[in-house]
Structures are given as structure tokens and as C-alpha cells.
Amino acid sequence: MLAFFGRIFSKKPSEEQVDPMKKFLIAGLGNIGPKYHNTRHNIGFKVVDYLAEKEGVSFATDKLGDIASFRFKGRTFILLKPSTYMNLSGKAVNYWLTKEKIPLENLLVVTDDLNLNFGAIRVKTKGSDGGHNGLKDIQLQLNTTTYNRFRFGISDEFSKGRQVDYVLGDWSSEEEKNLPERLEKAAELIKSFATAGINITMNTFNGK
């Protein structure tokens, strides 16, 4: 009899199923390859790289992207760097949401924004793609404009006709000096998103 109840109530930790509502997909957008590594357009990659290093986890190559995961305060964070290149980011995001059975409200997309000053933060729950090809493809693949996005300001300090060169250019020395503090703030924001919720996170971090 005891053995019977033991089989019912005992379960190995490895067999435990994670509640989908406690799983979060953090998708940092960027382009793969060494030449894009330190560019402004790759700030999404840089943010999730920073968070992974901070949490002591490493990325492994998987289907449509590199994946790392960690747990914090009962939440499971799945970090994604799509390998599809920026313009097809939605394919990877949609795949991992489906594979991990993560609800759409637990998605946070991290991307660059020319309309914000360097390092400025803006979190929104919906909106247009703003001309950003990565967000445009995510909207197409998810068939909605209602998903959480974390825009990281890269400013618009470029002359007419030089936008592409600027976005795909490396950070300036002044920006490099200030990035660590901004990346730390970004990591705090991501943890807040999963533990405190999107509304508190917007009120706490927007404009900071």
C-alpha cells in the first residue's frame, strides 16, 4: 500500500512539468556572424548575451537560433537569438513559442530603436513595427501587433542617406563606455517583466 501511494505522490525533479504560465521567451533580435557582432542593430543579441553571462548560462545552437535558459524566482527564462537574420526573426520566435508552449503574453522582444536616444528604454505591449524589419516579420508570423517589445535606443546621429551604415556600424567609444550600465538596467528590466509583470515593468523602467 505504501509503495502504491509512493508511486502516486513521488516524482523526480527532472520529470516535473514547468507551468507554461511561468515560462518566458526573451527574444533578442540581431544578425548572425562576426561582422555584425558589435553593431547597433545587434543590441538585442547583446542584451541577452549579457543576461546569460550574468546568470552563468551558455547559448547552444538549436533549431532557428541559439538558446540559453535559467530559472529565477520560480520563473523559467528562455533566451533566444534567432539565426534567421533580422528580416526573418518571426519564424524563430513563432517556432519557440509553439515548441515551449509559451503564451504570447510571456514573450518579450528586445530590439534597437533609432527614435530613442542612446540607452533609452521603452517597453510597450503593442504597436506598429515602426519600419523595423525584425518586428515586421514577427507581426506577420504571429498575425498580431499585440506582443511585448523592449526597444533600446540607439539614437539617430547619422547624416542623410547614411542610416544603414549607422545602424550596421559599431558603437562609438562613448557609447561603449556607457553600455555596461545600460545592459545592467536591461537585465533588471527583463527579470522584472517575468516576476512583477508588464505593467509594473513599464512604470518602473520606461524613460529610465
N, C-alpha and C. Protein backbone atom coordinates (compact mmCIF):
# COMPACT_ATOMS: atom_id res chain seq x y z
N MET A 1 0.82 -1.21 0.00
CA MET A 1 0.00 0.00 0.00
C MET A 1 0.85 1.26 0.00
N LEU A 2 1.90 1.27 0.86
CA LEU A 2 2.79 2.42 0.92
C LEU A 2 3.49 2.64 -0.41
N ALA A 3 3.87 1.53 -1.02
CA ALA A 3 4.55 1.63 -2.32
C ALA A 3 3.63 2.23 -3.37
N PHE A 4 2.34 1.86 -3.26
CA PHE A 4 1.36 2.38 -4.22
C PHE A 4 1.25 3.90 -4.12
N PHE A 5 1.09 4.41 -2.85
CA PHE A 5 1.00 5.86 -2.67
C PHE A 5 2.30 6.55 -3.02
N GLY A 6 3.40 5.86 -2.78
CA GLY A 6 4.70 6.43 -3.13
C GLY A 6 4.81 6.68 -4.61
N ARG A 7 4.29 5.75 -5.41
CA ARG A 7 4.34 5.92 -6.86
C ARG A 7 3.46 7.08 -7.31
N ILE A 8 2.38 7.32 -6.59
CA ILE A 8 1.46 8.39 -6.97
C ILE A 8 2.04 9.76 -6.65
N PHE A 9 2.61 9.90 -5.44
CA PHE A 9 2.99 11.23 -4.96
C PHE A 9 4.45 11.59 -5.17
N SER A 10 5.28 10.64 -5.51
CA SER A 10 6.68 10.97 -5.72
C SER A 10 6.96 11.15 -7.20
N LYS A 11 7.75 12.16 -7.51
CA LYS A 11 8.12 12.42 -8.89
C LYS A 11 9.52 13.01 -8.89
N LYS A 12 10.35 12.51 -9.73
CA LYS A 12 11.71 13.05 -9.81
C LYS A 12 11.64 14.48 -10.31
N PRO A 13 12.56 15.35 -9.82
CA PRO A 13 12.56 16.73 -10.27
C PRO A 13 12.66 16.86 -11.78
N SER A 14 13.41 15.97 -12.41
CA SER A 14 13.59 16.05 -13.86
C SER A 14 12.32 15.75 -14.62
N GLU A 15 11.36 15.09 -13.93
CA GLU A 15 10.11 14.73 -14.59
C GLU A 15 9.03 15.79 -14.41
N GLU A 16 9.31 16.79 -13.56
CA GLU A 16 8.31 17.80 -13.28
C GLU A 16 8.09 18.67 -14.51
N GLN A 17 6.83 18.96 -14.79
CA GLN A 17 6.49 19.81 -15.90
C GLN A 17 6.44 21.27 -15.43
N VAL A 18 7.07 22.16 -16.20
CA VAL A 18 7.05 23.56 -15.85
C VAL A 18 5.73 24.17 -16.31
N ASP A 19 5.06 24.87 -15.42
CA ASP A 19 3.82 25.56 -15.75
C ASP A 19 4.08 26.54 -16.89
N PRO A 20 3.37 26.41 -18.03
CA PRO A 20 3.61 27.32 -19.17
C PRO A 20 3.49 28.79 -18.79
N MET A 21 2.64 29.11 -17.81
CA MET A 21 2.48 30.50 -17.40
C MET A 21 3.71 31.03 -16.68
N LYS A 22 4.61 30.13 -16.30
CA LYS A 22 5.84 30.55 -15.61
C LYS A 22 7.07 30.44 -16.52
N LYS A 23 6.81 30.26 -17.82
CA LYS A 23 7.89 30.22 -18.81
C LYS A 23 7.83 31.49 -19.65
N PHE A 24 8.98 32.06 -19.92
CA PHE A 24 9.04 33.33 -20.64
C PHE A 24 10.08 33.24 -21.74
N LEU A 25 9.71 33.71 -22.93
CA LEU A 25 10.63 33.74 -24.06
C LEU A 25 11.13 35.17 -24.24
N ILE A 26 12.44 35.32 -24.10
CA ILE A 26 13.08 36.62 -24.30
C ILE A 26 13.85 36.55 -25.60
N ALA A 27 13.34 37.19 -26.64
CA ALA A 27 13.94 37.11 -27.96
C ALA A 27 14.72 38.37 -28.26
N GLY A 28 16.05 38.23 -28.29
CA GLY A 28 16.90 39.35 -28.64
C GLY A 28 17.15 39.32 -30.14
N LEU A 29 16.85 40.42 -30.83
CA LEU A 29 16.98 40.43 -32.28
C LEU A 29 18.37 40.91 -32.72
N GLY A 30 18.83 40.34 -33.83
CA GLY A 30 20.13 40.72 -34.36
C GLY A 30 20.44 39.90 -35.60
N ASN A 31 21.64 40.09 -36.12
CA ASN A 31 22.11 39.33 -37.28
C ASN A 31 23.28 38.46 -36.85
N ILE A 32 23.34 37.25 -37.37
CA ILE A 32 24.43 36.33 -37.01
C ILE A 32 25.67 36.67 -37.83
N GLY A 33 26.83 36.28 -37.28
CA GLY A 33 28.08 36.48 -38.00
C GLY A 33 28.96 37.52 -37.32
N PRO A 34 30.28 37.32 -37.36
CA PRO A 34 31.25 38.21 -36.69
C PRO A 34 31.14 39.68 -37.10
N LYS A 35 30.83 39.94 -38.37
CA LYS A 35 30.82 41.34 -38.82
C LYS A 35 29.67 42.15 -38.21
N TYR A 36 28.67 41.46 -37.69
CA TYR A 36 27.54 42.16 -37.07
C TYR A 36 27.64 42.21 -35.54
N HIS A 37 28.62 41.52 -35.00
CA HIS A 37 28.65 41.26 -33.55
C HIS A 37 28.50 42.52 -32.70
N ASN A 38 29.24 43.57 -33.02
CA ASN A 38 29.25 44.75 -32.16
C ASN A 38 28.51 45.93 -32.78
N THR A 39 27.56 45.65 -33.66
CA THR A 39 26.83 46.73 -34.31
C THR A 39 25.61 47.16 -33.50
N ARG A 40 25.16 48.38 -33.76
CA ARG A 40 23.99 48.91 -33.04
C ARG A 40 22.75 48.05 -33.28
N HIS A 41 22.61 47.55 -34.50
CA HIS A 41 21.42 46.76 -34.86
C HIS A 41 21.35 45.46 -34.05
N ASN A 42 22.48 45.04 -33.46
CA ASN A 42 22.54 43.78 -32.72
C ASN A 42 22.38 43.95 -31.22
N ILE A 43 21.81 45.06 -30.79
CA ILE A 43 21.68 45.28 -29.34
C ILE A 43 20.81 44.20 -28.70
N GLY A 44 19.85 43.64 -29.45
CA GLY A 44 19.03 42.56 -28.89
C GLY A 44 19.88 41.37 -28.50
N PHE A 45 20.82 40.99 -29.38
CA PHE A 45 21.75 39.91 -29.06
C PHE A 45 22.59 40.28 -27.85
N LYS A 46 23.07 41.52 -27.83
CA LYS A 46 23.98 41.94 -26.76
C LYS A 46 23.29 41.90 -25.40
N VAL A 47 22.02 42.28 -25.37
CA VAL A 47 21.26 42.27 -24.11
C VAL A 47 21.11 40.84 -23.57
N VAL A 48 20.69 39.90 -24.43
CA VAL A 48 20.50 38.53 -23.93
C VAL A 48 21.85 37.85 -23.66
N ASP A 49 22.89 38.22 -24.40
CA ASP A 49 24.23 37.71 -24.10
C ASP A 49 24.66 38.15 -22.70
N TYR A 50 24.40 39.41 -22.39
CA TYR A 50 24.78 39.95 -21.08
C TYR A 50 24.02 39.23 -19.97
N LEU A 51 22.72 39.01 -20.17
CA LEU A 51 21.91 38.35 -19.16
C LEU A 51 22.35 36.90 -18.96
N ALA A 52 22.65 36.22 -20.06
CA ALA A 52 23.11 34.83 -19.96
C ALA A 52 24.42 34.74 -19.18
N GLU A 53 25.35 35.65 -19.48
CA GLU A 53 26.63 35.64 -18.78
C GLU A 53 26.43 35.95 -17.30
N LYS A 54 25.57 36.88 -17.01
CA LYS A 54 25.27 37.26 -15.62
C LYS A 54 24.69 36.08 -14.83
N GLU A 55 23.89 35.26 -15.50
CA GLU A 55 23.25 34.12 -14.85
C GLU A 55 24.09 32.85 -14.95
N GLY A 56 25.25 32.93 -15.60
CA GLY A 56 26.15 31.78 -15.67
C GLY A 56 25.67 30.67 -16.59
N VAL A 57 24.94 31.03 -17.65
CA VAL A 57 24.48 30.02 -18.61
C VAL A 57 25.05 30.34 -19.99
N SER A 58 25.12 29.32 -20.83
CA SER A 58 25.69 29.48 -22.16
C SER A 58 24.65 29.16 -23.23
N PHE A 59 24.82 29.78 -24.39
CA PHE A 59 23.94 29.51 -25.51
C PHE A 59 24.38 28.25 -26.25
N ALA A 60 23.42 27.50 -26.74
CA ALA A 60 23.68 26.33 -27.57
C ALA A 60 22.87 26.48 -28.85
N THR A 61 23.46 26.09 -29.97
CA THR A 61 22.77 26.20 -31.24
C THR A 61 21.66 25.16 -31.35
N ASP A 62 20.48 25.62 -31.70
CA ASP A 62 19.32 24.75 -31.84
C ASP A 62 18.56 25.18 -33.10
N LYS A 63 17.38 24.67 -33.27
CA LYS A 63 16.62 24.98 -34.48
C LYS A 63 16.28 26.47 -34.56
N LEU A 64 16.67 27.11 -35.63
CA LEU A 64 16.37 28.50 -35.95
C LEU A 64 16.99 29.52 -34.99
N GLY A 65 17.91 29.06 -34.13
CA GLY A 65 18.55 30.03 -33.25
C GLY A 65 19.40 29.42 -32.18
N ASP A 66 20.05 30.29 -31.42
CA ASP A 66 20.82 29.89 -30.24
C ASP A 66 19.94 30.08 -29.01
N ILE A 67 20.00 29.10 -28.09
CA ILE A 67 19.10 29.08 -26.94
C ILE A 67 19.90 28.93 -25.65
N ALA A 68 19.48 29.67 -24.63
CA ALA A 68 20.01 29.51 -23.27
C ALA A 68 18.82 29.64 -22.33
N SER A 69 18.89 29.02 -21.16
CA SER A 69 17.78 29.14 -20.22
C SER A 69 18.29 29.13 -18.78
N PHE A 70 17.51 29.77 -17.91
CA PHE A 70 17.83 29.77 -16.48
C PHE A 70 16.53 29.99 -15.71
N ARG A 71 16.58 29.71 -14.42
CA ARG A 71 15.42 29.91 -13.56
C ARG A 71 15.72 31.01 -12.55
N PHE A 72 14.69 31.80 -12.26
CA PHE A 72 14.82 32.89 -11.29
C PHE A 72 13.46 33.13 -10.65
N LYS A 73 13.41 33.02 -9.33
CA LYS A 73 12.17 33.24 -8.57
C LYS A 73 11.00 32.43 -9.12
N GLY A 74 11.26 31.17 -9.44
CA GLY A 74 10.20 30.28 -9.88
C GLY A 74 9.82 30.43 -11.34
N ARG A 75 10.49 31.33 -12.05
CA ARG A 75 10.22 31.51 -13.47
C ARG A 75 11.34 30.90 -14.30
N THR A 76 10.97 30.40 -15.47
CA THR A 76 11.95 29.88 -16.42
C THR A 76 12.11 30.88 -17.56
N PHE A 77 13.32 31.33 -17.74
CA PHE A 77 13.63 32.29 -18.80
C PHE A 77 14.30 31.54 -19.95
N ILE A 78 13.72 31.62 -21.13
CA ILE A 78 14.33 31.03 -22.32
C ILE A 78 14.81 32.17 -23.20
N LEU A 79 16.11 32.28 -23.38
CA LEU A 79 16.70 33.35 -24.16
C LEU A 79 16.93 32.86 -25.58
N LEU A 80 16.51 33.64 -26.55
CA LEU A 80 16.61 33.25 -27.95
C LEU A 80 17.36 34.30 -28.76
N LYS A 81 18.34 33.84 -29.56
CA LYS A 81 18.99 34.66 -30.56
C LYS A 81 18.70 34.00 -31.91
N PRO A 82 17.74 34.50 -32.67
CA PRO A 82 17.39 33.87 -33.95
C PRO A 82 18.59 33.80 -34.90
N SER A 83 18.70 32.70 -35.62
CA SER A 83 19.78 32.53 -36.60
C SER A 83 19.26 32.77 -38.02
N THR A 84 18.10 33.38 -38.12
CA THR A 84 17.41 33.57 -39.40
C THR A 84 17.75 34.90 -40.06
N TYR A 85 18.61 35.68 -39.40
CA TYR A 85 18.86 37.07 -39.77
C TYR A 85 17.63 37.90 -39.41
N MET A 86 17.90 39.19 -39.21
CA MET A 86 16.89 40.10 -38.67
C MET A 86 15.56 40.04 -39.40
N ASN A 87 15.60 40.04 -40.74
CA ASN A 87 14.37 40.17 -41.52
C ASN A 87 13.44 38.98 -41.43
N LEU A 88 13.91 37.86 -40.88
CA LEU A 88 13.07 36.67 -40.73
C LEU A 88 12.96 36.25 -39.26
N SER A 89 13.09 37.20 -38.36
CA SER A 89 13.07 36.90 -36.92
C SER A 89 11.80 36.21 -36.48
N GLY A 90 10.69 36.53 -37.12
CA GLY A 90 9.40 35.99 -36.69
C GLY A 90 9.32 34.48 -36.78
N LYS A 91 10.01 33.91 -37.74
CA LYS A 91 9.97 32.45 -37.90
C LYS A 91 10.52 31.75 -36.66
N ALA A 92 11.64 32.25 -36.14
CA ALA A 92 12.25 31.66 -34.94
C ALA A 92 11.40 31.92 -33.70
N VAL A 93 10.91 33.14 -33.58
CA VAL A 93 10.09 33.49 -32.41
C VAL A 93 8.85 32.61 -32.36
N ASN A 94 8.16 32.48 -33.47
CA ASN A 94 6.94 31.67 -33.52
C ASN A 94 7.24 30.20 -33.22
N TYR A 95 8.34 29.70 -33.76
CA TYR A 95 8.70 28.30 -33.53
C TYR A 95 8.92 28.02 -32.05
N TRP A 96 9.67 28.88 -31.37
CA TRP A 96 10.00 28.61 -29.97
C TRP A 96 8.82 28.87 -29.03
N LEU A 97 7.98 29.81 -29.37
CA LEU A 97 6.74 29.99 -28.59
C LEU A 97 5.91 28.71 -28.64
N THR A 98 5.79 28.14 -29.84
CA THR A 98 4.99 26.94 -30.03
C THR A 98 5.64 25.73 -29.38
N LYS A 99 6.92 25.56 -29.62
CA LYS A 99 7.64 24.40 -29.08
C LYS A 99 7.59 24.35 -27.56
N GLU A 100 7.80 25.49 -26.93
CA GLU A 100 7.83 25.55 -25.46
C GLU A 100 6.46 25.81 -24.84
N LYS A 101 5.44 25.94 -25.71
CA LYS A 101 4.06 26.18 -25.25
C LYS A 101 3.98 27.43 -24.36
N ILE A 102 4.67 28.46 -24.79
CA ILE A 102 4.71 29.71 -24.03
C ILE A 102 3.59 30.64 -24.51
N PRO A 103 2.77 31.15 -23.61
CA PRO A 103 1.69 32.05 -24.03
C PRO A 103 2.25 33.36 -24.59
N LEU A 104 1.55 33.95 -25.53
CA LEU A 104 2.03 35.15 -26.20
C LEU A 104 2.35 36.27 -25.22
N GLU A 105 1.56 36.36 -24.16
CA GLU A 105 1.81 37.45 -23.19
C GLU A 105 3.12 37.28 -22.44
N ASN A 106 3.74 36.10 -22.55
CA ASN A 106 5.02 35.86 -21.88
C ASN A 106 6.21 36.01 -22.84
N LEU A 107 5.96 36.65 -23.98
CA LEU A 107 7.02 36.95 -24.93
C LEU A 107 7.49 38.38 -24.75
N LEU A 108 8.81 38.58 -24.77
CA LEU A 108 9.39 39.92 -24.78
C LEU A 108 10.45 39.97 -25.87
N VAL A 109 10.26 40.87 -26.84
CA VAL A 109 11.20 41.02 -27.95
C VAL A 109 12.09 42.22 -27.67
N VAL A 110 13.39 42.02 -27.75
CA VAL A 110 14.36 43.09 -27.47
C VAL A 110 14.97 43.55 -28.80
N THR A 111 14.85 44.85 -29.07
CA THR A 111 15.32 45.35 -30.36
C THR A 111 15.85 46.77 -30.25
N ASP A 112 16.51 47.23 -31.31
CA ASP A 112 17.05 48.58 -31.36
C ASP A 112 15.98 49.56 -31.81
N ASP A 113 16.17 50.86 -31.48
CA ASP A 113 15.21 51.88 -31.91
C ASP A 113 15.96 53.18 -32.22
N LEU A 114 15.87 53.60 -33.47
CA LEU A 114 16.52 54.84 -33.91
C LEU A 114 15.86 56.08 -33.32
N ASN A 115 14.60 55.97 -32.92
CA ASN A 115 13.85 57.14 -32.46
C ASN A 115 14.06 57.46 -30.99
N LEU A 116 14.87 56.66 -30.32
CA LEU A 116 15.17 56.89 -28.90
C LEU A 116 16.64 57.24 -28.75
N ASN A 117 16.93 58.12 -27.80
CA ASN A 117 18.32 58.46 -27.51
C ASN A 117 19.09 57.23 -27.07
N PHE A 118 20.40 57.26 -27.23
CA PHE A 118 21.21 56.11 -26.86
C PHE A 118 20.89 55.64 -25.44
N GLY A 119 20.63 54.33 -25.31
CA GLY A 119 20.42 53.73 -24.00
C GLY A 119 19.05 53.93 -23.40
N ALA A 120 18.22 54.76 -24.05
CA ALA A 120 16.87 54.98 -23.52
C ALA A 120 16.05 53.71 -23.66
N ILE A 121 15.12 53.53 -22.74
CA ILE A 121 14.32 52.31 -22.67
C ILE A 121 12.84 52.62 -22.89
N ARG A 122 12.21 51.82 -23.72
CA ARG A 122 10.75 51.93 -23.88
C ARG A 122 10.16 50.53 -24.03
N VAL A 123 9.29 50.16 -23.12
CA VAL A 123 8.60 48.88 -23.17
C VAL A 123 7.15 49.14 -23.53
N LYS A 124 6.64 48.40 -24.51
CA LYS A 124 5.25 48.54 -24.93
C LYS A 124 4.63 47.16 -25.11
N THR A 125 3.31 47.12 -25.02
CA THR A 125 2.59 45.84 -25.16
C THR A 125 2.03 45.65 -26.57
N LYS A 126 2.07 46.70 -27.37
CA LYS A 126 1.57 46.60 -28.74
C LYS A 126 2.06 47.80 -29.54
N GLY A 127 1.80 47.79 -30.83
CA GLY A 127 2.19 48.91 -31.66
C GLY A 127 2.62 48.46 -33.03
N SER A 128 2.95 49.45 -33.87
CA SER A 128 3.38 49.15 -35.23
C SER A 128 4.83 48.68 -35.21
N ASP A 129 5.31 48.22 -36.37
CA ASP A 129 6.70 47.78 -36.44
C ASP A 129 7.66 48.96 -36.54
N GLY A 130 7.14 50.16 -36.78
CA GLY A 130 7.98 51.35 -36.83
C GLY A 130 9.04 51.30 -37.91
N GLY A 131 8.79 50.51 -38.96
CA GLY A 131 9.77 50.39 -40.03
C GLY A 131 10.90 49.42 -39.73
N HIS A 132 10.81 48.72 -38.60
CA HIS A 132 11.85 47.76 -38.21
C HIS A 132 11.53 46.41 -38.83
N ASN A 133 12.43 45.90 -39.66
CA ASN A 133 12.14 44.66 -40.41
C ASN A 133 11.98 43.44 -39.51
N GLY A 134 12.70 43.39 -38.40
CA GLY A 134 12.56 42.27 -37.48
C GLY A 134 11.17 42.24 -36.87
N LEU A 135 10.70 43.40 -36.39
CA LEU A 135 9.36 43.48 -35.82
C LEU A 135 8.29 43.24 -36.87
N LYS A 136 8.56 43.69 -38.08
CA LYS A 136 7.61 43.49 -39.18
C LYS A 136 7.38 42.00 -39.43
N ASP A 137 8.44 41.22 -39.40
CA ASP A 137 8.30 39.78 -39.65
C ASP A 137 7.64 39.07 -38.47
N ILE A 138 7.93 39.52 -37.26
CA ILE A 138 7.28 38.94 -36.08
C ILE A 138 5.78 39.19 -36.14
N GLN A 139 5.41 40.41 -36.49
CA GLN A 139 3.98 40.73 -36.63
C GLN A 139 3.32 39.84 -37.68
N LEU A 140 4.03 39.60 -38.78
CA LEU A 140 3.49 38.76 -39.85
C LEU A 140 3.33 37.32 -39.39
N GLN A 141 4.34 36.79 -38.72
CA GLN A 141 4.32 35.38 -38.29
C GLN A 141 3.32 35.14 -37.16
N LEU A 142 3.19 36.09 -36.25
CA LEU A 142 2.27 35.92 -35.11
C LEU A 142 0.87 36.40 -35.44
N ASN A 143 0.74 37.12 -36.56
CA ASN A 143 -0.55 37.64 -37.01
C ASN A 143 -1.18 38.56 -35.96
N THR A 144 -0.34 39.37 -35.33
CA THR A 144 -0.84 40.34 -34.34
C THR A 144 0.21 41.42 -34.11
N THR A 145 -0.26 42.59 -33.72
CA THR A 145 0.65 43.67 -33.32
C THR A 145 0.69 43.77 -31.79
N THR A 146 -0.04 42.87 -31.13
CA THR A 146 -0.12 42.89 -29.67
C THR A 146 0.84 41.86 -29.09
N TYR A 147 2.05 42.28 -28.85
CA TYR A 147 3.05 41.47 -28.16
C TYR A 147 4.04 42.43 -27.50
N ASN A 148 4.66 42.00 -26.43
CA ASN A 148 5.54 42.88 -25.67
C ASN A 148 6.86 43.10 -26.38
N ARG A 149 7.27 44.36 -26.48
CA ARG A 149 8.57 44.66 -27.08
C ARG A 149 9.33 45.65 -26.21
N PHE A 150 10.63 45.44 -26.12
CA PHE A 150 11.56 46.27 -25.34
C PHE A 150 12.48 46.94 -26.35
N ARG A 151 12.25 48.23 -26.56
CA ARG A 151 13.05 48.99 -27.52
C ARG A 151 14.21 49.68 -26.78
N PHE A 152 15.41 49.45 -27.30
CA PHE A 152 16.64 50.02 -26.72
C PHE A 152 17.13 51.12 -27.67
N GLY A 153 17.22 52.34 -27.18
CA GLY A 153 17.58 53.46 -28.03
C GLY A 153 19.01 53.41 -28.55
N ILE A 154 19.15 53.66 -29.86
CA ILE A 154 20.50 53.75 -30.44
C ILE A 154 20.71 55.14 -31.05
N SER A 155 19.75 56.06 -30.88
CA SER A 155 19.75 57.43 -31.39
C SER A 155 19.80 57.46 -32.92
N ASP A 156 19.83 58.66 -33.46
CA ASP A 156 19.80 58.80 -34.93
C ASP A 156 20.88 59.79 -35.38
N GLU A 157 22.08 59.61 -34.84
CA GLU A 157 23.18 60.52 -35.14
C GLU A 157 23.87 60.18 -36.45
N PHE A 158 23.12 60.25 -37.53
CA PHE A 158 23.70 59.97 -38.83
C PHE A 158 23.24 61.01 -39.83
N SER A 159 24.05 61.23 -40.86
CA SER A 159 23.71 62.21 -41.89
C SER A 159 22.75 61.58 -42.91
N LYS A 160 22.14 62.42 -43.71
CA LYS A 160 21.15 61.96 -44.68
C LYS A 160 21.72 60.88 -45.59
N GLY A 161 20.95 59.79 -45.73
CA GLY A 161 21.36 58.71 -46.61
C GLY A 161 22.34 57.72 -45.99
N ARG A 162 22.65 57.91 -44.69
CA ARG A 162 23.66 57.05 -44.04
C ARG A 162 23.05 56.16 -42.96
N GLN A 163 21.73 56.00 -42.99
CA GLN A 163 21.07 55.23 -41.92
C GLN A 163 21.56 53.79 -41.85
N VAL A 164 21.65 53.13 -42.99
CA VAL A 164 22.07 51.72 -43.00
C VAL A 164 23.48 51.58 -42.44
N ASP A 165 24.39 52.46 -42.87
CA ASP A 165 25.77 52.42 -42.37
C ASP A 165 25.81 52.65 -40.87
N TYR A 166 24.97 53.55 -40.40
CA TYR A 166 24.93 53.86 -38.96
C TYR A 166 24.41 52.67 -38.15
N VAL A 167 23.28 52.12 -38.58
CA VAL A 167 22.66 51.01 -37.85
C VAL A 167 23.57 49.77 -37.84
N LEU A 168 24.22 49.53 -38.96
CA LEU A 168 25.10 48.37 -39.06
C LEU A 168 26.55 48.71 -38.70
N GLY A 169 26.74 49.90 -38.12
CA GLY A 169 28.08 50.31 -37.69
C GLY A 169 28.32 49.95 -36.24
N ASP A 170 29.59 49.98 -35.83
CA ASP A 170 29.96 49.68 -34.45
C ASP A 170 29.62 50.86 -33.53
N TRP A 171 29.52 50.55 -32.25
CA TRP A 171 29.28 51.57 -31.24
C TRP A 171 30.45 52.54 -31.19
N SER A 172 30.17 53.80 -30.87
CA SER A 172 31.24 54.77 -30.67
C SER A 172 31.94 54.48 -29.35
N SER A 173 33.10 55.07 -29.14
CA SER A 173 33.85 54.85 -27.89
C SER A 173 33.05 55.35 -26.69
N GLU A 174 32.32 56.44 -26.86
CA GLU A 174 31.50 56.97 -25.76
C GLU A 174 30.35 56.02 -25.44
N GLU A 175 29.74 55.47 -26.48
CA GLU A 175 28.65 54.51 -26.27
C GLU A 175 29.19 53.24 -25.61
N GLU A 176 30.32 52.77 -26.05
CA GLU A 176 30.95 51.57 -25.46
C GLU A 176 31.16 51.77 -23.96
N LYS A 177 31.58 52.97 -23.58
CA LYS A 177 31.84 53.26 -22.17
C LYS A 177 30.57 53.20 -21.33
N ASN A 178 29.46 53.61 -21.94
CA ASN A 178 28.20 53.66 -21.19
C ASN A 178 27.33 52.41 -21.33
N LEU A 179 27.69 51.51 -22.22
CA LEU A 179 26.88 50.31 -22.45
C LEU A 179 26.73 49.41 -21.21
N PRO A 180 27.80 49.15 -20.43
CA PRO A 180 27.64 48.23 -19.29
C PRO A 180 26.52 48.61 -18.34
N GLU A 181 26.41 49.90 -18.01
CA GLU A 181 25.35 50.34 -17.10
C GLU A 181 23.98 50.14 -17.73
N ARG A 182 23.87 50.41 -19.04
CA ARG A 182 22.61 50.24 -19.75
C ARG A 182 22.22 48.77 -19.88
N LEU A 183 23.22 47.92 -20.08
CA LEU A 183 22.95 46.47 -20.17
C LEU A 183 22.49 45.93 -18.82
N GLU A 184 23.05 46.43 -17.74
CA GLU A 184 22.62 46.01 -16.41
C GLU A 184 21.17 46.41 -16.18
N LYS A 185 20.81 47.62 -16.59
CA LYS A 185 19.43 48.08 -16.46
C LYS A 185 18.49 47.19 -17.30
N ALA A 186 18.96 46.81 -18.48
CA ALA A 186 18.16 45.95 -19.36
C ALA A 186 17.92 44.59 -18.72
N ALA A 187 18.95 44.04 -18.06
CA ALA A 187 18.81 42.74 -17.40
C ALA A 187 17.81 42.83 -16.25
N GLU A 188 17.85 43.93 -15.51
CA GLU A 188 16.88 44.13 -14.42
C GLU A 188 15.47 44.21 -14.98
N LEU A 189 15.32 44.88 -16.10
CA LEU A 189 14.00 45.02 -16.73
C LEU A 189 13.44 43.66 -17.12
N ILE A 190 14.26 42.82 -17.72
CA ILE A 190 13.79 41.51 -18.18
C ILE A 190 13.34 40.65 -17.00
N LYS A 191 14.08 40.68 -15.93
CA LYS A 191 13.69 39.91 -14.74
C LYS A 191 12.39 40.47 -14.15
N SER A 192 12.24 41.79 -14.17
CA SER A 192 11.02 42.40 -13.67
C SER A 192 9.82 42.00 -14.51
N PHE A 193 10.00 41.95 -15.82
CA PHE A 193 8.92 41.55 -16.73
C PHE A 193 8.31 40.21 -16.32
N ALA A 194 9.17 39.25 -15.99
CA ALA A 194 8.69 37.90 -15.66
C ALA A 194 8.21 37.78 -14.22
N THR A 195 8.72 38.59 -13.33
CA THR A 195 8.38 38.43 -11.91
C THR A 195 7.35 39.44 -11.41
N ALA A 196 7.41 40.66 -11.93
CA ALA A 196 6.49 41.71 -11.45
C ALA A 196 5.37 41.99 -12.43
N GLY A 197 5.56 41.59 -13.70
CA GLY A 197 4.52 41.82 -14.70
C GLY A 197 4.84 43.01 -15.60
N ILE A 198 4.18 43.03 -16.74
CA ILE A 198 4.48 44.03 -17.76
C ILE A 198 4.11 45.44 -17.32
N ASN A 199 3.00 45.62 -16.64
CA ASN A 199 2.57 46.98 -16.27
C ASN A 199 3.52 47.63 -15.27
N ILE A 200 3.88 46.88 -14.24
CA ILE A 200 4.83 47.42 -13.25
C ILE A 200 6.17 47.69 -13.92
N THR A 201 6.57 46.80 -14.82
CA THR A 201 7.84 46.97 -15.52
C THR A 201 7.84 48.24 -16.37
N MET A 202 6.76 48.50 -17.08
CA MET A 202 6.68 49.72 -17.88
C MET A 202 6.75 50.96 -16.98
N ASN A 203 6.02 50.93 -15.88
CA ASN A 203 6.02 52.08 -14.97
C ASN A 203 7.38 52.30 -14.32
N THR A 204 8.10 51.22 -14.08
CA THR A 204 9.38 51.31 -13.39
C THR A 204 10.51 51.70 -14.31
N PHE A 205 10.51 51.20 -15.53
CA PHE A 205 11.70 51.33 -16.40
C PHE A 205 11.55 52.30 -17.58
N ASN A 206 10.36 52.54 -18.06
CA ASN A 206 10.23 53.41 -19.22
C ASN A 206 10.79 54.81 -18.93
N GLY A 207 11.65 55.26 -19.81
CA GLY A 207 12.25 56.57 -19.66
C GLY A 207 13.46 56.59 -18.74
N LYS A 208 13.85 55.43 -18.19
CA LYS A 208 14.97 55.37 -17.27
C LYS A 208 16.28 55.13 -18.01
